[in-house]
Each structure stands twice: as structure tokens, then as C-alpha cells.
């Protein structure tokens, strides 16, 4: 919030103290279960080890997480660009099959990219069957992704973090009683995250703004 308002007469620490004194700090709630344990047989090599990112469209990362409404578990799949932190695609479902999770999320990501992506983008995930399904792999092959999988959750840290950010910073404060509510609120939360959440590692820009900034720089350099 501080970097969005960008006050010129007050520092960040004092700003946070004032917000706390005025009761604007929301108590963090933690009631969610852990995401899936990806320990086990790795079906693709982990291509992210020692990988240094320098631009967008080099590494996409994905994970499937749980969200409990009453006594019912639903599933949310996110795909993000690991350089810009932009959530490119997502899906919300009541079932864990590929056609409800990783596949629609990837189709959304491709649509948001105009169905035109560079060759050899690494698509990184855990070892879940949704990322090893024939139909899913046919789509990654069509767009010439390099499939990559981790063995441990910490090897897919950015995707794991997105799960927590969306659930604990956004969804937990919404009234969600049905699958339709969850779909609506995930869509709203992703829009807020992409368009309004500044990141320190992005020079305090939002993911969308940072991607536009990079594309502008790349365009300028290509004209030289």
C-alpha cells in the first residue's frame, strides 16, 4: 500500500505504524492445509536448477492447491511467469482431472499471450499426473515448451508462494459459499494481484506494469 500511495513526507516504517495504530492492519488467518507433497518419481528433469532469468517468457511455473468451502474441497491451478510474477492463467474446479486443472489453466495462459509464445519456454511443475497427461503434453509440445518437474515443493517455490498469496491475502477475506463464488473471487483476486500489487523485486511495480515496462524496453532496443 505504501508504494502504491507513495507519500513524499513519510517513510515506510512510520506509514506502517500509523496504519497499525488506526486499525488498518488485517490479522493474518491461517487455516489452510498444505499443498500436495510432490516428493517421488520425477518424470521430467528439473530444468530450473542454476537457471538465471533475465526476461519474461523464459520460465512458467504451475501448481495445484486446495481451497476448502465448508466440508468441500475445491482445486485452484495457477500458471505464472517467474520473472514478472504475473499470473498468466488459472482454473478453479471441483475435480482434480487434467481437463479441469492444468489444461484449462494453460489454455488461458496461451490465450492471454495471444496464442503466440516463444519457443523453448520452460514449463515447470511438480510431478503431478495433471502435468504428465497426454492431452496436456500435446499442448506443451505444440507450443514447443520444455517440460520440467521438481521433486520437492521448495523447488517450485514461486508457484507455491502464489498459492499462499491468493488464498491468505485475498480469498480468506471474501464470502465464499459455493464453487461459483470461488470462481468469481479467484478471478477478482488474480486481477487485483496482477494489476495492483507492487513487488519489491519488480522495482515496486505490479506484474502487469512490469511486463509492459520490459516489453517497451525490448521494443526500443530492437529499433536501434
Protein backbone atom coordinates (compact mmCIF):
# COMPACT_ATOMS: atom_id res chain seq x y z
CA UNK A 1 0.00 0.00 0.00
CA UNK A 2 2.86 2.36 0.87
CA UNK A 3 4.40 2.00 -2.58
CA UNK A 4 1.04 2.46 -4.28
CA UNK A 5 0.30 5.71 -2.40
CA UNK A 6 3.97 6.76 -2.45
CA UNK A 7 3.71 9.56 0.16
CA UNK A 8 6.58 12.06 -0.09
CA UNK A 9 6.64 13.21 3.55
CA UNK A 10 6.63 9.91 5.42
CA UNK A 11 8.81 6.80 5.50
CA UNK A 12 7.62 3.23 5.09
CA UNK A 13 8.07 2.19 8.74
CA UNK A 14 6.20 5.20 10.08
CA UNK A 15 3.46 4.66 7.50
CA UNK A 16 3.04 1.05 8.66
CA UNK A 17 2.94 2.15 12.32
CA UNK A 18 0.23 4.73 11.58
CA UNK A 19 -1.83 2.10 9.73
CA UNK A 20 -1.44 -0.28 12.67
CA UNK A 21 -2.41 2.40 15.20
CA UNK A 22 -5.52 3.23 13.16
CA UNK A 23 -6.56 -0.40 12.98
CA UNK A 24 -5.92 -0.82 9.25
CA UNK A 25 -3.70 -3.88 9.62
CA UNK A 26 -5.61 -7.09 8.95
CA UNK A 27 -4.83 -10.04 11.18
CA UNK A 28 -3.48 -12.93 9.12
CA UNK A 29 -5.61 -16.03 9.22
CA UNK A 30 -4.08 -19.44 8.66
CA UNK A 31 -6.44 -22.36 8.38
CA UNK A 32 -5.41 -23.98 5.11
CA UNK A 33 -3.89 -27.37 4.65
CA UNK A 34 -0.59 -27.93 2.89
CA UNK A 35 -0.46 -28.30 -0.85
CA UNK A 36 0.31 -31.67 -2.38
CA UNK A 37 3.56 -33.35 -1.50
CA UNK A 38 5.45 -33.70 -4.77
CA UNK A 39 8.11 -36.00 -3.35
CA UNK A 40 8.50 -39.06 -5.53
CA UNK A 41 9.43 -40.07 -9.03
CA UNK A 42 10.31 -37.11 -11.24
CA UNK A 43 9.01 -37.69 -14.76
CA UNK A 44 10.91 -34.78 -16.32
CA UNK A 45 14.29 -33.38 -15.33
CA UNK A 46 14.30 -30.21 -13.25
CA UNK A 47 15.49 -27.63 -15.78
CA UNK A 48 15.38 -24.75 -13.28
CA UNK A 49 18.48 -25.75 -11.32
CA UNK A 50 21.05 -22.93 -11.62
CA UNK A 51 18.77 -21.18 -14.12
CA UNK A 52 19.28 -17.41 -14.21
CA UNK A 53 16.28 -15.48 -15.51
CA UNK A 54 16.82 -12.28 -17.48
CA UNK A 55 13.43 -11.68 -19.11
CA UNK A 56 9.81 -12.75 -19.28
CA UNK A 57 8.76 -15.84 -21.24
CA UNK A 58 11.71 -17.91 -20.09
CA UNK A 59 10.14 -19.86 -17.23
CA UNK A 60 6.49 -20.54 -16.45
CA UNK A 61 5.66 -22.29 -13.20
CA UNK A 62 2.46 -24.01 -12.12
CA UNK A 63 0.93 -25.72 -9.12
CA UNK A 64 -2.45 -27.01 -7.95
CA UNK A 65 -3.68 -26.07 -4.50
CA UNK A 66 -6.72 -26.82 -2.35
CA UNK A 67 -9.40 -24.46 -1.11
CA UNK A 68 -11.96 -25.69 1.41
CA UNK A 69 -15.51 -24.33 1.45
CA UNK A 70 -17.44 -25.84 4.34
CA UNK A 71 -16.68 -29.53 4.11
CA UNK A 72 -15.96 -29.48 0.38
CA UNK A 73 -12.51 -29.24 -1.20
CA UNK A 74 -12.05 -27.39 -4.47
CA UNK A 75 -8.90 -27.06 -6.54
CA UNK A 76 -7.17 -23.98 -7.93
CA UNK A 77 -4.43 -24.14 -10.56
CA UNK A 78 -2.14 -21.19 -11.27
CA UNK A 79 0.42 -20.59 -14.02
CA UNK A 80 2.77 -17.64 -13.66
CA UNK A 81 5.75 -16.10 -15.39
CA UNK A 82 8.55 -16.48 -12.86
CA UNK A 83 10.34 -13.31 -13.98
CA UNK A 84 7.43 -10.86 -13.91
CA UNK A 85 5.40 -12.77 -11.27
CA UNK A 86 2.34 -12.26 -13.48
CA UNK A 87 -0.36 -14.91 -13.17
CA UNK A 88 -0.94 -15.89 -16.80
CA UNK A 89 -3.64 -18.48 -16.36
CA UNK A 90 -5.69 -20.23 -13.73
CA UNK A 91 -8.55 -22.66 -13.26
CA UNK A 92 -10.98 -23.46 -10.45
CA UNK A 93 -12.63 -26.87 -10.25
CA UNK A 94 -14.30 -29.46 -8.07
CA UNK A 95 -12.27 -32.29 -9.59
CA UNK A 96 -8.56 -32.98 -9.99
CA UNK A 97 -8.62 -34.34 -13.53
CA UNK A 98 -6.36 -32.69 -16.09
CA UNK A 99 -9.27 -31.33 -18.13
CA UNK A 100 -10.37 -29.27 -15.11
CA UNK A 101 -6.98 -28.15 -13.75
CA UNK A 102 -3.70 -27.84 -15.65
CA UNK A 103 -5.18 -27.96 -19.16
CA UNK A 104 -7.68 -25.04 -18.90
CA UNK A 105 -5.11 -23.02 -16.95
CA UNK A 106 -2.57 -23.47 -19.74
CA UNK A 107 -5.15 -22.68 -22.41
CA UNK A 108 -5.96 -19.43 -20.58
CA UNK A 109 -2.27 -18.57 -20.32
CA UNK A 110 -1.81 -19.10 -24.05
CA UNK A 111 -4.93 -17.06 -24.82
CA UNK A 112 -3.60 -14.21 -22.67
CA UNK A 113 -0.43 -14.38 -24.75
CA UNK A 114 -2.41 -14.21 -27.98
CA UNK A 115 -1.63 -17.91 -28.57
CA UNK A 116 1.86 -16.82 -29.58
CA UNK A 117 4.72 -17.73 -27.27
CA UNK A 118 8.44 -18.07 -27.84
CA UNK A 119 9.93 -21.49 -28.38
CA UNK A 120 11.73 -23.33 -25.58
CA UNK A 121 9.94 -21.70 -22.65
CA UNK A 122 10.43 -23.95 -19.64
CA UNK A 123 7.15 -25.12 -18.13
CA UNK A 124 7.90 -26.14 -14.55
CA UNK A 125 5.61 -28.02 -12.16
CA UNK A 126 5.57 -30.75 -9.55
CA UNK A 127 5.29 -34.39 -10.55
CA UNK A 128 1.50 -34.50 -10.51
CA UNK A 129 -0.26 -36.54 -13.14
CA UNK A 130 -2.10 -33.44 -14.39
CA UNK A 131 1.23 -32.25 -15.84
CA UNK A 132 2.03 -35.62 -17.38
CA UNK A 133 -1.31 -36.23 -19.05
CA UNK A 134 -1.18 -36.95 -22.80
CA UNK A 135 -3.52 -34.10 -23.73
CA UNK A 136 -1.59 -31.62 -21.60
CA UNK A 137 1.76 -32.73 -23.05
CA UNK A 138 0.33 -32.50 -26.57
CA UNK A 139 -0.40 -28.81 -25.93
CA UNK A 140 3.04 -28.07 -24.47
CA UNK A 141 4.63 -29.90 -27.40
CA UNK A 142 2.54 -27.91 -29.89
CA UNK A 143 3.85 -24.65 -28.47
CA UNK A 144 7.38 -26.07 -28.04
CA UNK A 145 7.65 -25.77 -24.28
CA UNK A 146 10.38 -27.60 -22.40
CA UNK A 147 8.72 -29.60 -19.64
CA UNK A 148 10.38 -29.53 -16.24
CA UNK A 149 9.40 -31.08 -12.91
CA UNK A 150 10.54 -30.76 -9.33
CA UNK A 151 10.86 -33.49 -6.75
CA UNK A 152 10.36 -31.30 -3.68
CA UNK A 153 7.88 -28.44 -3.12
CA UNK A 154 10.64 -25.90 -2.44
CA UNK A 155 11.93 -26.50 -5.98
CA UNK A 156 8.71 -24.91 -7.22
CA UNK A 157 8.76 -22.06 -4.74
CA UNK A 158 7.27 -19.23 -6.79
CA UNK A 159 4.18 -21.25 -7.67
CA UNK A 160 3.82 -22.42 -4.07
CA UNK A 161 4.07 -18.81 -2.92
CA UNK A 162 1.34 -17.66 -5.32
CA UNK A 163 -0.98 -20.25 -3.78
CA UNK A 164 -0.46 -18.73 -0.35
CA UNK A 165 -0.71 -15.13 -1.51
CA UNK A 166 -4.03 -15.58 -3.29
CA UNK A 167 -5.57 -17.72 -0.56
CA UNK A 168 -4.26 -15.92 2.53
CA UNK A 169 -4.15 -12.33 1.28
CA UNK A 170 -7.32 -12.31 -0.80
CA UNK A 171 -9.71 -15.25 -0.71
CA UNK A 172 -9.83 -15.75 3.04
CA UNK A 173 -11.44 -12.32 3.47
CA UNK A 174 -14.22 -12.99 0.94
CA UNK A 175 -17.61 -14.61 1.49
CA UNK A 176 -17.33 -17.85 -0.44
CA UNK A 177 -20.06 -20.44 -0.09
CA UNK A 178 -20.21 -22.16 -3.48
CA UNK A 179 -17.99 -23.13 -6.38
CA UNK A 180 -19.45 -20.24 -8.38
CA UNK A 181 -18.43 -17.85 -5.58
CA UNK A 182 -14.92 -19.26 -5.61
CA UNK A 183 -14.57 -18.92 -9.39
CA UNK A 184 -15.70 -15.30 -9.20
CA UNK A 185 -13.41 -14.42 -6.29
CA UNK A 186 -10.34 -16.12 -7.76
CA UNK A 187 -10.85 -14.15 -10.97
CA UNK A 188 -11.17 -10.94 -8.96
CA UNK A 189 -8.16 -11.77 -6.78
CA UNK A 190 -5.92 -12.54 -9.77
CA UNK A 191 -6.89 -9.21 -11.36
CA UNK A 192 -6.05 -7.35 -8.15
CA UNK A 193 -2.77 -9.21 -7.80
CA UNK A 194 -1.67 -8.63 -11.38
CA UNK A 195 -2.81 -5.02 -11.60
CA UNK A 196 -2.46 -3.58 -8.10
CA UNK A 197 0.13 -5.50 -6.05
CA UNK A 198 3.63 -3.95 -6.30
CA UNK A 199 6.67 -6.20 -5.76
CA UNK A 200 10.00 -5.20 -4.32
CA UNK A 201 11.85 -7.37 -6.86
CA UNK A 202 9.95 -5.65 -9.68
CA UNK A 203 11.12 -2.19 -8.62
CA UNK A 204 7.81 -1.81 -6.79
CA UNK A 205 5.82 -2.21 -9.98
CA UNK A 206 2.85 -4.52 -10.35
CA UNK A 207 3.32 -7.66 -12.50
CA UNK A 208 1.29 -6.20 -15.38
CA UNK A 209 3.08 -2.86 -15.25
CA UNK A 210 6.47 -4.55 -15.08
CA UNK A 211 5.75 -6.70 -18.13
CA UNK A 212 4.66 -3.63 -20.08
CA UNK A 213 7.84 -1.86 -18.95
CA UNK A 214 10.01 -4.75 -20.18
CA UNK A 215 8.18 -5.00 -23.49
CA UNK A 216 8.67 -1.28 -24.03
CA UNK A 217 12.40 -1.56 -23.31
CA UNK A 218 12.76 -4.56 -25.63
CA UNK A 219 10.90 -2.69 -28.37
CA UNK A 220 13.19 0.31 -28.03
CA UNK A 221 16.30 -1.84 -28.16
CA UNK A 222 15.07 -3.72 -31.24
CA UNK A 223 14.65 -0.44 -33.12
CA UNK A 224 18.24 0.61 -32.50
